[in-house]
Amino acid sequence: MTLVILACALPQYAVWWPFFVVLFYILAPIPTLMAKRYNDHSGSSNSCLETAIFITMGILVCSFALPIVLARGNIIHWSACGLTLAGNIIVYATLLGFFLAFESDDSDYNMW
């Protein structure tokens, strides 16, 4: 989040357009969290979870595409785009780590 705020607030950039990726940060884990609540054991594949992952990947691609499109349109500087993309990588790596840490049913973390 610090990199995204820096991309918006530094004096040479001074536009708040890159901050709209925070909306994607909020929306990205919602489909997967909802699909994990619906647990269908009828077959080997869970179509609900696969659809949720597809929607999550669409949101993830949009969050990387937004700063690039804004930079191509000369709305933001390319360095602000780079800061936003670096912030995206850190935020999504953290979300991935969260889902991997709390994914298994037999771990000791489930008692939290």
PDB file of N, CA and C in Angstrom:
ATOM      1  N   MET A   1       0.820  -1.195   0.000  1.00  0.00           N
ATOM      2  CA  MET A   1       0.000   0.000   0.000  1.00  0.00           C
ATOM      3  C   MET A   1       0.858   1.251   0.000  1.00  0.00           C
ATOM      4  N   THR A   2       2.027   1.172   0.616  1.00  0.00           N
ATOM      5  CA  THR A   2       2.903   2.336   0.656  1.00  0.00           C
ATOM      6  C   THR A   2       3.330   2.740  -0.747  1.00  0.00           C
ATOM      7  N   LEU A   3       3.635   1.761  -1.591  1.00  0.00           N
ATOM      8  CA  LEU A   3       4.061   2.081  -2.957  1.00  0.00           C
ATOM      9  C   LEU A   3       2.922   2.700  -3.758  1.00  0.00           C
ATOM     10  N   VAL A   4       1.710   2.241  -3.567  1.00  0.00           N
ATOM     11  CA  VAL A   4       0.566   2.817  -4.279  1.00  0.00           C
ATOM     12  C   VAL A   4       0.313   4.247  -3.804  1.00  0.00           C
ATOM     13  N   ILE A   5       0.423   4.480  -2.516  1.00  0.00           N
ATOM     14  CA  ILE A   5       0.240   5.840  -1.997  1.00  0.00           C
ATOM     15  C   ILE A   5       1.361   6.758  -2.488  1.00  0.00           C
ATOM     16  N   LEU A   6       2.584   6.238  -2.552  1.00  0.00           N
ATOM     17  CA  LEU A   6       3.690   7.047  -3.098  1.00  0.00           C
ATOM     18  C   LEU A   6       3.475   7.377  -4.567  1.00  0.00           C
ATOM     19  N   ALA A   7       2.911   6.425  -5.317  1.00  0.00           N
ATOM     20  CA  ALA A   7       2.633   6.679  -6.733  1.00  0.00           C
ATOM     21  C   ALA A   7       1.604   7.783  -6.909  1.00  0.00           C
ATOM     22  N   CYS A   8       0.787   7.989  -5.909  1.00  0.00           N
ATOM     23  CA  CYS A   8      -0.245   9.029  -5.981  1.00  0.00           C
ATOM     24  C   CYS A   8       0.199  10.356  -5.384  1.00  0.00           C
ATOM     25  N   ALA A   9       0.984  10.307  -4.319  1.00  0.00           N
ATOM     26  CA  ALA A   9       1.181  11.495  -3.502  1.00  0.00           C
ATOM     27  C   ALA A   9       2.500  12.227  -3.709  1.00  0.00           C
ATOM     28  N   LEU A  10       3.462  11.641  -4.385  1.00  0.00           N
ATOM     29  CA  LEU A  10       4.720  12.356  -4.570  1.00  0.00           C
ATOM     30  C   LEU A  10       4.497  13.605  -5.414  1.00  0.00           C
ATOM     31  N   PRO A  11       5.226  14.670  -5.136  1.00  0.00           N
ATOM     32  CA  PRO A  11       4.962  15.953  -5.797  1.00  0.00           C
ATOM     33  C   PRO A  11       5.104  15.912  -7.316  1.00  0.00           C
ATOM     34  N   GLN A  12       6.019  15.106  -7.846  1.00  0.00           N
ATOM     35  CA  GLN A  12       6.177  15.099  -9.300  1.00  0.00           C
ATOM     36  C   GLN A  12       5.059  14.332 -10.006  1.00  0.00           C
ATOM     37  N   TYR A  13       4.285  13.515  -9.265  1.00  0.00           N
ATOM     38  CA  TYR A  13       3.178  12.775  -9.882  1.00  0.00           C
ATOM     39  C   TYR A  13       1.866  13.515  -9.628  1.00  0.00           C
ATOM     40  N   ALA A  14       1.500  13.703  -8.380  1.00  0.00           N
ATOM     41  CA  ALA A  14       0.380  14.538  -7.911  1.00  0.00           C
ATOM     42  C   ALA A  14      -0.964  14.227  -8.574  1.00  0.00           C
ATOM     43  N   VAL A  15      -1.207  12.980  -8.902  1.00  0.00           N
ATOM     44  CA  VAL A  15      -2.534  12.554  -9.351  1.00  0.00           C
ATOM     45  C   VAL A  15      -2.926  11.317  -8.553  1.00  0.00           C
ATOM     46  N   TRP A  16      -4.206  11.178  -8.304  1.00  0.00           N
ATOM     47  CA  TRP A  16      -4.665  10.075  -7.472  1.00  0.00           C
ATOM     48  C   TRP A  16      -5.277   8.927  -8.266  1.00  0.00           C
ATOM     49  N   TRP A  17      -5.088   8.909  -9.571  1.00  0.00           N
ATOM     50  CA  TRP A  17      -5.660   7.843 -10.399  1.00  0.00           C
ATOM     51  C   TRP A  17      -5.123   6.451 -10.051  1.00  0.00           C
ATOM     52  N   PRO A  18      -3.848   6.268  -9.719  1.00  0.00           N
ATOM     53  CA  PRO A  18      -3.392   4.906  -9.393  1.00  0.00           C
ATOM     54  C   PRO A  18      -4.039   4.325  -8.138  1.00  0.00           C
ATOM     55  N   PHE A  19      -4.637   5.159  -7.315  1.00  0.00           N
ATOM     56  CA  PHE A  19      -5.247   4.668  -6.077  1.00  0.00           C
ATOM     57  C   PHE A  19      -6.495   3.827  -6.343  1.00  0.00           C
ATOM     58  N   PHE A  20      -7.020   3.851  -7.569  1.00  0.00           N
ATOM     59  CA  PHE A  20      -8.186   3.048  -7.896  1.00  0.00           C
ATOM     60  C   PHE A  20      -7.897   1.556  -7.902  1.00  0.00           C
ATOM     61  N   VAL A  21      -6.625   1.145  -7.890  1.00  0.00           N
ATOM     62  CA  VAL A  21      -6.315  -0.284  -7.809  1.00  0.00           C
ATOM     63  C   VAL A  21      -6.678  -0.855  -6.446  1.00  0.00           C
ATOM     64  N   VAL A  22      -6.864  -0.007  -5.442  1.00  0.00           N
ATOM     65  CA  VAL A  22      -7.270  -0.485  -4.117  1.00  0.00           C
ATOM     66  C   VAL A  22      -8.644  -1.148  -4.204  1.00  0.00           C
ATOM     67  N   LEU A  23      -9.493  -0.676  -5.095  1.00  0.00           N
ATOM     68  CA  LEU A  23     -10.781  -1.324  -5.317  1.00  0.00           C
ATOM     69  C   LEU A  23     -10.583  -2.776  -5.757  1.00  0.00           C
ATOM     70  N   PHE A  24      -9.602  -3.019  -6.611  1.00  0.00           N
ATOM     71  CA  PHE A  24      -9.303  -4.388  -7.046  1.00  0.00           C
ATOM     72  C   PHE A  24      -8.722  -5.221  -5.905  1.00  0.00           C
ATOM     73  N   TYR A  25      -7.965  -4.597  -5.011  1.00  0.00           N
ATOM     74  CA  TYR A  25      -7.442  -5.316  -3.844  1.00  0.00           C
ATOM     75  C   TYR A  25      -8.581  -5.824  -2.966  1.00  0.00           C
ATOM     76  N   ILE A  26      -9.629  -5.030  -2.859  1.00  0.00           N
ATOM     77  CA  ILE A  26     -10.778  -5.421  -2.039  1.00  0.00           C
ATOM     78  C   ILE A  26     -11.605  -6.498  -2.744  1.00  0.00           C
ATOM     79  N   LEU A  27     -11.767  -6.370  -4.059  1.00  0.00           N
ATOM     80  CA  LEU A  27     -12.606  -7.305  -4.809  1.00  0.00           C
ATOM     81  C   LEU A  27     -11.931  -8.646  -5.086  1.00  0.00           C
ATOM     82  N   ALA A  28     -10.622  -8.697  -5.145  1.00  0.00           N
ATOM     83  CA  ALA A  28      -9.922  -9.915  -5.588  1.00  0.00           C
ATOM     84  C   ALA A  28     -10.182 -11.148  -4.727  1.00  0.00           C
ATOM     85  N   PRO A  29     -10.119 -11.082  -3.408  1.00  0.00           N
ATOM     86  CA  PRO A  29     -10.312 -12.330  -2.655  1.00  0.00           C
ATOM     87  C   PRO A  29     -11.772 -12.729  -2.453  1.00  0.00           C
ATOM     88  N   ILE A  30     -12.719 -11.880  -2.764  1.00  0.00           N
ATOM     89  CA  ILE A  30     -14.125 -12.170  -2.472  1.00  0.00           C
ATOM     90  C   ILE A  30     -14.646 -13.408  -3.208  1.00  0.00           C
ATOM     91  N   PRO A  31     -14.430 -13.581  -4.529  1.00  0.00           N
ATOM     92  CA  PRO A  31     -14.956 -14.793  -5.175  1.00  0.00           C
ATOM     93  C   PRO A  31     -14.370 -16.084  -4.610  1.00  0.00           C
ATOM     94  N   THR A  32     -13.092 -16.088  -4.309  1.00  0.00           N
ATOM     95  CA  THR A  32     -12.466 -17.294  -3.782  1.00  0.00           C
ATOM     96  C   THR A  32     -12.957 -17.596  -2.374  1.00  0.00           C
ATOM     97  N   LEU A  33     -13.117 -16.579  -1.552  1.00  0.00           N
ATOM     98  CA  LEU A  33     -13.638 -16.795  -0.207  1.00  0.00           C
ATOM     99  C   LEU A  33     -15.068 -17.327  -0.238  1.00  0.00           C
ATOM    100  N   MET A  34     -15.880 -16.820  -1.157  1.00  0.00           N
ATOM    101  CA  MET A  34     -17.246 -17.308  -1.282  1.00  0.00           C
ATOM    102  C   MET A  34     -17.272 -18.749  -1.780  1.00  0.00           C
ATOM    103  N   ALA A  35     -16.393 -19.092  -2.708  1.00  0.00           N
ATOM    104  CA  ALA A  35     -16.368 -20.449  -3.248  1.00  0.00           C
ATOM    105  C   ALA A  35     -15.859 -21.449  -2.226  1.00  0.00           C
ATOM    106  N   LYS A  36     -14.962 -21.030  -1.358  1.00  0.00           N
ATOM    107  CA  LYS A  36     -14.472 -21.933  -0.310  1.00  0.00           C
ATOM    108  C   LYS A  36     -15.567 -22.252   0.701  1.00  0.00           C
ATOM    109  N   ARG A  37     -16.520 -21.351   0.881  1.00  0.00           N
ATOM    110  CA  ARG A  37     -17.642 -21.614   1.784  1.00  0.00           C
ATOM    111  C   ARG A  37     -18.560 -22.680   1.204  1.00  0.00           C
ATOM    112  N   TYR A  38     -18.719 -22.670  -0.123  1.00  0.00           N
ATOM    113  CA  TYR A  38     -19.546 -23.670  -0.787  1.00  0.00           C
ATOM    114  C   TYR A  38     -18.649 -24.839  -1.125  1.00  0.00           C
ATOM    115  N   ASN A  39     -18.784 -25.936  -0.415  1.00  0.00           N
ATOM    116  CA  ASN A  39     -17.902 -27.078  -0.562  1.00  0.00           C
ATOM    117  C   ASN A  39     -18.684 -28.230  -1.177  1.00  0.00           C
ATOM    118  N   ASP A  40     -18.499 -28.483  -2.465  1.00  0.00           N
ATOM    119  CA  ASP A  40     -19.213 -29.539  -3.180  1.00  0.00           C
ATOM    120  C   ASP A  40     -18.299 -30.751  -3.313  1.00  0.00           C
ATOM    121  N   HIS A  41     -18.654 -31.857  -2.685  1.00  0.00           N
ATOM    122  CA  HIS A  41     -17.836 -33.064  -2.717  1.00  0.00           C
ATOM    123  C   HIS A  41     -18.393 -34.108  -3.684  1.00  0.00           C
ATOM    124  N   SER A  42     -19.235 -33.706  -4.616  1.00  0.00           N
ATOM    125  CA  SER A  42     -19.870 -34.686  -5.494  1.00  0.00           C
ATOM    126  C   SER A  42     -18.950 -35.201  -6.590  1.00  0.00           C
ATOM    127  N   GLY A  43     -17.930 -34.461  -6.960  1.00  0.00           N
ATOM    128  CA  GLY A  43     -17.047 -34.892  -8.034  1.00  0.00           C
ATOM    129  C   GLY A  43     -15.605 -34.544  -7.737  1.00  0.00           C
ATOM    130  N   SER A  44     -14.747 -34.844  -8.701  1.00  0.00           N
ATOM    131  CA  SER A  44     -13.324 -34.579  -8.495  1.00  0.00           C
ATOM    132  C   SER A  44     -12.983 -33.110  -8.707  1.00  0.00           C
ATOM    133  N   SER A  45     -13.798 -32.410  -9.494  1.00  0.00           N
ATOM    134  CA  SER A  45     -13.531 -30.992  -9.721  1.00  0.00           C
ATOM    135  C   SER A  45     -14.650 -30.159  -9.111  1.00  0.00           C
ATOM    136  N   ASN A  46     -14.286 -29.024  -8.623  1.00  0.00           N
ATOM    137  CA  ASN A  46     -15.249 -28.111  -8.020  1.00  0.00           C
ATOM    138  C   ASN A  46     -15.449 -26.952  -8.981  1.00  0.00           C
ATOM    139  N   SER A  47     -16.545 -26.976  -9.733  1.00  0.00           N
ATOM    140  CA  SER A  47     -16.766 -25.953 -10.756  1.00  0.00           C
ATOM    141  C   SER A  47     -16.961 -24.573 -10.138  1.00  0.00           C
ATOM    142  N   CYS A  48     -17.527 -24.518  -8.957  1.00  0.00           N
ATOM    143  CA  CYS A  48     -17.708 -23.222  -8.291  1.00  0.00           C
ATOM    144  C   CYS A  48     -16.351 -22.598  -7.958  1.00  0.00           C
ATOM    145  N   LEU A  49     -15.433 -23.409  -7.440  1.00  0.00           N
ATOM    146  CA  LEU A  49     -14.102 -22.897  -7.107  1.00  0.00           C
ATOM    147  C   LEU A  49     -13.337 -22.502  -8.367  1.00  0.00           C
ATOM    148  N   GLU A  50     -13.473 -23.285  -9.435  1.00  0.00           N
ATOM    149  CA  GLU A  50     -12.786 -22.947 -10.687  1.00  0.00           C
ATOM    150  C   GLU A  50     -13.323 -21.653 -11.288  1.00  0.00           C
ATOM    151  N   THR A  51     -14.626 -21.439 -11.202  1.00  0.00           N
ATOM    152  CA  THR A  51     -15.216 -20.185 -11.686  1.00  0.00           C
ATOM    153  C   THR A  51     -14.747 -19.008 -10.835  1.00  0.00           C
ATOM    154  N   ALA A  52     -14.667 -19.212  -9.535  1.00  0.00           N
ATOM    155  CA  ALA A  52     -14.194 -18.149  -8.641  1.00  0.00           C
ATOM    156  C   ALA A  52     -12.740 -17.797  -8.927  1.00  0.00           C
ATOM    157  N   ILE A  53     -11.912 -18.799  -9.197  1.00  0.00           N
ATOM    158  CA  ILE A  53     -10.514 -18.532  -9.534  1.00  0.00           C
ATOM    159  C   ILE A  53     -10.416 -17.786 -10.856  1.00  0.00           C
ATOM    160  N   PHE A  54     -11.272 -18.129 -11.821  1.00  0.00           N
ATOM    161  CA  PHE A  54     -11.292 -17.423 -13.102  1.00  0.00           C
ATOM    162  C   PHE A  54     -11.662 -15.955 -12.907  1.00  0.00           C
ATOM    163  N   ILE A  55     -12.675 -15.686 -12.095  1.00  0.00           N
ATOM    164  CA  ILE A  55     -13.086 -14.300 -11.828  1.00  0.00           C
ATOM    165  C   ILE A  55     -11.989 -13.556 -11.079  1.00  0.00           C
ATOM    166  N   THR A  56     -11.346 -14.233 -10.126  1.00  0.00           N
ATOM    167  CA  THR A  56     -10.252 -13.612  -9.377  1.00  0.00           C
ATOM    168  C   THR A  56      -9.091 -13.257 -10.302  1.00  0.00           C
ATOM    169  N   MET A  57      -8.772 -14.134 -11.241  1.00  0.00           N
ATOM    170  CA  MET A  57      -7.691 -13.843 -12.192  1.00  0.00           C
ATOM    171  C   MET A  57      -8.055 -12.676 -13.100  1.00  0.00           C
ATOM    172  N   GLY A  58      -9.325 -12.546 -13.459  1.00  0.00           N
ATOM    173  CA  GLY A  58      -9.764 -11.388 -14.241  1.00  0.00           C
ATOM    174  C   GLY A  58      -9.576 -10.092 -13.482  1.00  0.00           C
ATOM    175  N   ILE A  59      -9.901 -10.113 -12.199  1.00  0.00           N
ATOM    176  CA  ILE A  59      -9.711  -8.928 -11.351  1.00  0.00           C
ATOM    177  C   ILE A  59      -8.228  -8.619 -11.221  1.00  0.00           C
ATOM    178  N   LEU A  60      -7.416  -9.660 -11.070  1.00  0.00           N
ATOM    179  CA  LEU A  60      -5.973  -9.469 -10.934  1.00  0.00           C
ATOM    180  C   LEU A  60      -5.381  -8.848 -12.206  1.00  0.00           C
ATOM    181  N   VAL A  61      -5.790  -9.336 -13.366  1.00  0.00           N
ATOM    182  CA  VAL A  61      -5.295  -8.769 -14.631  1.00  0.00           C
ATOM    183  C   VAL A  61      -5.732  -7.313 -14.779  1.00  0.00           C
ATOM    184  N   CYS A  62      -6.952  -7.011 -14.372  1.00  0.00           N
ATOM    185  CA  CYS A  62      -7.427  -5.625 -14.442  1.00  0.00           C
ATOM    186  C   CYS A  62      -6.614  -4.699 -13.549  1.00  0.00           C
ATOM    187  N   SER A  63      -6.202  -5.206 -12.384  1.00  0.00           N
ATOM    188  CA  SER A  63      -5.431  -4.340 -11.492  1.00  0.00           C
ATOM    189  C   SER A  63      -4.034  -4.063 -12.025  1.00  0.00           C
ATOM    190  N   PHE A  64      -3.487  -4.956 -12.835  1.00  0.00           N
ATOM    191  CA  PHE A  64      -2.210  -4.683 -13.478  1.00  0.00           C
ATOM    192  C   PHE A  64      -2.391  -3.857 -14.749  1.00  0.00           C
ATOM    193  N   ALA A  65      -3.537  -4.004 -15.414  1.00  0.00           N
ATOM    194  CA  ALA A  65      -3.760  -3.285 -16.667  1.00  0.00           C
ATOM    195  C   ALA A  65      -4.108  -1.818 -16.451  1.00  0.00           C
ATOM    196  N   LEU A  66      -4.803  -1.511 -15.359  1.00  0.00           N
ATOM    197  CA  LEU A  66      -5.237  -0.128 -15.130  1.00  0.00           C
ATOM    198  C   LEU A  66      -4.084   0.866 -15.098  1.00  0.00           C
ATOM    199  N   PRO A  67      -3.013   0.643 -14.319  1.00  0.00           N
ATOM    200  CA  PRO A  67      -1.929   1.633 -14.341  1.00  0.00           C
ATOM    201  C   PRO A  67      -1.204   1.701 -15.685  1.00  0.00           C
ATOM    202  N   ILE A  68      -1.131   0.586 -16.389  1.00  0.00           N
ATOM    203  CA  ILE A  68      -0.472   0.599 -17.702  1.00  0.00           C
ATOM    204  C   ILE A  68      -1.285   1.421 -18.695  1.00  0.00           C
ATOM    205  N   VAL A  69      -2.606   1.244 -18.681  1.00  0.00           N
ATOM    206  CA  VAL A  69      -3.466   2.025 -19.576  1.00  0.00           C
ATOM    207  C   VAL A  69      -3.411   3.507 -19.218  1.00  0.00           C
ATOM    208  N   LEU A  70      -3.397   3.818 -17.933  1.00  0.00           N
ATOM    209  CA  LEU A  70      -3.301   5.221 -17.518  1.00  0.00           C
ATOM    210  C   LEU A  70      -1.968   5.843 -17.928  1.00  0.00           C
ATOM    211  N   ALA A  71      -0.896   5.057 -17.867  1.00  0.00           N
ATOM    212  CA  ALA A  71       0.416   5.576 -18.280  1.00  0.00           C
ATOM    213  C   ALA A  71       0.488   5.737 -19.795  1.00  0.00           C
ATOM    214  N   ARG A  72      -0.109   4.809 -20.540  1.00  0.00           N
ATOM    215  CA  ARG A  72      -0.116   4.938 -22.003  1.00  0.00           C
ATOM    216  C   ARG A  72      -0.935   6.140 -22.460  1.00  0.00           C
ATOM    217  N   GLY A  73      -1.954   6.482 -21.695  1.00  0.00           N
ATOM    218  CA  GLY A  73      -2.786   7.639 -22.030  1.00  0.00           C
ATOM    219  C   GLY A  73      -2.248   8.952 -21.496  1.00  0.00           C
ATOM    220  N   ASN A  74      -1.028   8.944 -20.966  1.00  0.00           N
ATOM    221  CA  ASN A  74      -0.374  10.127 -20.398  1.00  0.00           C
ATOM    222  C   ASN A  74      -1.193  10.778 -19.280  1.00  0.00           C
ATOM    223  N   ILE A  75      -1.928   9.971 -18.554  1.00  0.00           N
ATOM    224  CA  ILE A  75      -2.665  10.470 -17.398  1.00  0.00           C
ATOM    225  C   ILE A  75      -1.775  10.431 -16.170  1.00  0.00           C
ATOM    226  N   ILE A  76      -0.952   9.373 -16.055  1.00  0.00           N
ATOM    227  CA  ILE A  76       0.021   9.272 -14.967  1.00  0.00           C
ATOM    228  C   ILE A  76       1.401   9.069 -15.584  1.00  0.00           C
ATOM    229  N   HIS A  77       2.438   9.287 -14.804  1.00  0.00           N
ATOM    230  CA  HIS A  77       3.815   9.070 -15.259  1.00  0.00           C
ATOM    231  C   HIS A  77       4.120   7.572 -15.245  1.00  0.00           C
ATOM    232  N   TRP A  78       5.089   7.180 -16.061  1.00  0.00           N
ATOM    233  CA  TRP A  78       5.477   5.773 -16.099  1.00  0.00           C
ATOM    234  C   TRP A  78       6.115   5.333 -14.788  1.00  0.00           C
ATOM    235  N   SER A  79       6.784   6.235 -14.097  1.00  0.00           N
ATOM    236  CA  SER A  79       7.354   5.861 -12.803  1.00  0.00           C
ATOM    237  C   SER A  79       6.261   5.615 -11.758  1.00  0.00           C
ATOM    238  N   ALA A  80       5.162   6.368 -11.828  1.00  0.00           N
ATOM    239  CA  ALA A  80       4.025   6.097 -10.950  1.00  0.00           C
ATOM    240  C   ALA A  80       3.397   4.756 -11.298  1.00  0.00           C
ATOM    241  N   CYS A  81       3.389   4.429 -12.576  1.00  0.00           N
ATOM    242  CA  CYS A  81       2.900   3.123 -13.017  1.00  0.00           C
ATOM    243  C   CYS A  81       3.779   2.011 -12.444  1.00  0.00           C
ATOM    244  N   GLY A  82       5.078   2.200 -12.472  1.00  0.00           N
ATOM    245  CA  GLY A  82       5.992   1.203 -11.924  1.00  0.00           C
ATOM    246  C   GLY A  82       5.813   1.007 -10.427  1.00  0.00           C
ATOM    247  N   LEU A  83       5.615   2.119  -9.703  1.00  0.00           N
ATOM    248  CA  LEU A  83       5.362   2.009  -8.265  1.00  0.00           C
ATOM    249  C   LEU A  83       4.061   1.262  -7.986  1.00  0.00           C
ATOM    250  N   THR A  84       3.053   1.535  -8.783  1.00  0.00           N
ATOM    251  CA  THR A  84       1.765   0.860  -8.596  1.00  0.00           C
ATOM    252  C   THR A  84       1.882  -0.626  -8.915  1.00  0.00           C
ATOM    253  N   LEU A  85       2.604  -0.973  -9.965  1.00  0.00           N
ATOM    254  CA  LEU A  85       2.780  -2.387 -10.314  1.00  0.00           C
ATOM    255  C   LEU A  85       3.582  -3.119  -9.251  1.00  0.00           C
ATOM    256  N   ALA A  86       4.580  -2.471  -8.685  1.00  0.00           N
ATOM    257  CA  ALA A  86       5.345  -3.093  -7.601  1.00  0.00           C
ATOM    258  C   ALA A  86       4.462  -3.292  -6.370  1.00  0.00           C
ATOM    259  N   GLY A  87       3.610  -2.330  -6.089  1.00  0.00           N
ATOM    260  CA  GLY A  87       2.652  -2.484  -4.993  1.00  0.00           C
ATOM    261  C   GLY A  87       1.680  -3.617  -5.246  1.00  0.00           C
ATOM    262  N   ASN A  88       1.241  -3.773  -6.507  1.00  0.00           N
ATOM    263  CA  ASN A  88       0.362  -4.883  -6.867  1.00  0.00           C
ATOM    264  C   ASN A  88       1.023  -6.227  -6.584  1.00  0.00           C
ATOM    265  N   ILE A  89       2.272  -6.359  -6.959  1.00  0.00           N
ATOM    266  CA  ILE A  89       2.976  -7.625  -6.754  1.00  0.00           C
ATOM    267  C   ILE A  89       3.057  -7.958  -5.273  1.00  0.00           C
ATOM    268  N   ILE A  90       3.354  -6.974  -4.451  1.00  0.00           N
ATOM    269  CA  ILE A  90       3.477  -7.215  -3.009  1.00  0.00           C
ATOM    270  C   ILE A  90       2.126  -7.569  -2.390  1.00  0.00           C
ATOM    271  N   VAL A  91       1.081  -6.846  -2.765  1.00  0.00           N
ATOM    272  CA  VAL A  91      -0.245  -7.117  -2.196  1.00  0.00           C
ATOM    273  C   VAL A  91      -0.737  -8.501  -2.601  1.00  0.00           C
ATOM    274  N   TYR A  92      -0.589  -8.858  -3.870  1.00  0.00           N
ATOM    275  CA  TYR A  92      -1.090 -10.161  -4.312  1.00  0.00           C
ATOM    276  C   TYR A  92      -0.225 -11.306  -3.810  1.00  0.00           C
ATOM    277  N   ALA A  93       1.054 -11.081  -3.587  1.00  0.00           N
ATOM    278  CA  ALA A  93       1.886 -12.115  -2.963  1.00  0.00           C
ATOM    279  C   ALA A  93       1.446 -12.342  -1.520  1.00  0.00           C
ATOM    280  N   THR A  94       1.059 -11.274  -0.836  1.00  0.00           N
ATOM    281  CA  THR A  94       0.547 -11.407   0.526  1.00  0.00           C
ATOM    282  C   THR A  94      -0.779 -12.165   0.548  1.00  0.00           C
ATOM    283  N   LEU A  95      -1.684 -11.860  -0.386  1.00  0.00           N
ATOM    284  CA  LEU A  95      -2.951 -12.585  -0.463  1.00  0.00           C
ATOM    285  C   LEU A  95      -2.732 -14.062  -0.780  1.00  0.00           C
ATOM    286  N   LEU A  96      -1.801 -14.350  -1.673  1.00  0.00           N
ATOM    287  CA  LEU A  96      -1.486 -15.747  -2.003  1.00  0.00           C
ATOM    288  C   LEU A  96      -0.927 -16.469  -0.789  1.00  0.00           C
ATOM    289  N   GLY A  97      -0.053 -15.825  -0.063  1.00  0.00           N
ATOM    290  CA  GLY A  97       0.487 -16.420   1.158  1.00  0.00           C
ATOM    291  C   GLY A  97      -0.593 -16.687   2.183  1.00  0.00           C
ATOM    292  N   PHE A  98      -1.564 -15.788   2.296  1.00  0.00           N
ATOM    293  CA  PHE A  98      -2.676 -15.991   3.224  1.00  0.00           C
ATOM    294  C   PHE A  98      -3.487 -17.219   2.840  1.00  0.00           C
ATOM    295  N   PHE A  99      -3.827 -17.338   1.551  1.00  0.00           N
ATOM    296  CA  PHE A  99      -4.632 -18.475   1.119  1.00  0.00           C
ATOM    297  C   PHE A  99      -3.859 -19.784   1.235  1.00  0.00           C
ATOM    298  N   LEU A 100      -2.571 -19.769   0.996  1.00  0.00           N
ATOM    299  CA  LEU A 100      -1.787 -20.998   1.128  1.00  0.00           C
ATOM    300  C   LEU A 100      -1.600 -21.395   2.584  1.00  0.00           C
ATOM    301  N   ALA A 101      -1.464 -20.434   3.464  1.00  0.00           N
ATOM    302  CA  ALA A 101      -1.258 -20.747   4.878  1.00  0.00           C
ATOM    303  C   ALA A 101      -2.514 -21.309   5.529  1.00  0.00           C
ATOM    304  N   PHE A 102      -3.681 -20.836   5.108  1.00  0.00           N
ATOM    305  CA  PHE A 102      -4.922 -21.263   5.744  1.00  0.00           C
ATOM    306  C   PHE A 102      -5.743 -22.213   4.874  1.00  0.00           C
ATOM    307  N   GLU A 103      -5.121 -22.842   3.892  1.00  0.00           N
ATOM    308  CA  GLU A 103      -5.851 -23.706   2.967  1.00  0.00           C
ATOM    309  C   GLU A 103      -6.108 -25.096   3.536  1.00  0.00           C
ATOM    310  N   SER A 104      -5.130 -25.712   4.152  1.00  0.00           N
ATOM    311  CA  SER A 104      -5.284 -27.096   4.579  1.00  0.00           C
ATOM    312  C   SER A 104      -6.198 -27.204   5.803  1.00  0.00           C
ATOM    313  N   ASP A 105      -6.953 -28.291   5.850  1.00  0.00           N
ATOM    314  CA  ASP A 105      -7.896 -28.491   6.940  1.00  0.00           C
ATOM    315  C   ASP A 105      -7.265 -29.078   8.181  1.00  0.00           C
ATOM    316  N   ASP A 106      -6.102 -29.702   8.054  1.00  0.00           N
ATOM    317  CA  ASP A 106      -5.504 -30.378   9.194  1.00  0.00           C
ATOM    318  C   ASP A 106      -4.403 -29.588   9.882  1.00  0.00           C
ATOM    319  N   SER A 107      -4.223 -28.346   9.523  1.00  0.00           N
ATOM    320  CA  SER A 107      -3.163 -27.566  10.153  1.00  0.00           C
ATOM    321  C   SER A 107      -3.625 -27.024  11.505  1.00  0.00           C
ATOM    322  N   ASP A 108      -2.682 -26.601  12.311  1.00  0.00           N
ATOM    323  CA  ASP A 108      -2.977 -26.071  13.628  1.00  0.00           C
ATOM    324  C   ASP A 108      -3.565 -24.661  13.578  1.00  0.00           C
ATOM    325  N   TYR A 109      -3.514 -24.027  12.414  1.00  0.00           N
ATOM    326  CA  TYR A 109      -4.018 -22.662  12.311  1.00  0.00           C
ATOM    327  C   TYR A 109      -5.546 -22.608  12.272  1.00  0.00           C
ATOM    328  N   ASN A 110      -6.209 -23.740  12.030  1.00  0.00           N
ATOM    329  CA  ASN A 110      -7.658 -23.724  11.915  1.00  0.00           C
ATOM    330  C   ASN A 110      -8.364 -23.486  13.227  1.00  0.00           C
ATOM    331  N   MET A 111      -7.694 -23.624  14.347  1.00  0.00           N
ATOM    332  CA  MET A 111      -8.366 -23.372  15.611  1.00  0.00           C
ATOM    333  C   MET A 111      -8.503 -21.877  15.882  1.00  0.00           C
ATOM    334  N   TRP A 112      -7.956 -21.007  15.061  1.00  0.00           N
ATOM    335  CA  TRP A 112      -8.086 -19.566  15.231  1.00  0.00           C
ATOM    336  C   TRP A 112      -9.452 -19.197  14.766  1.00  0.00           C
TER     337      TRP A 112
END
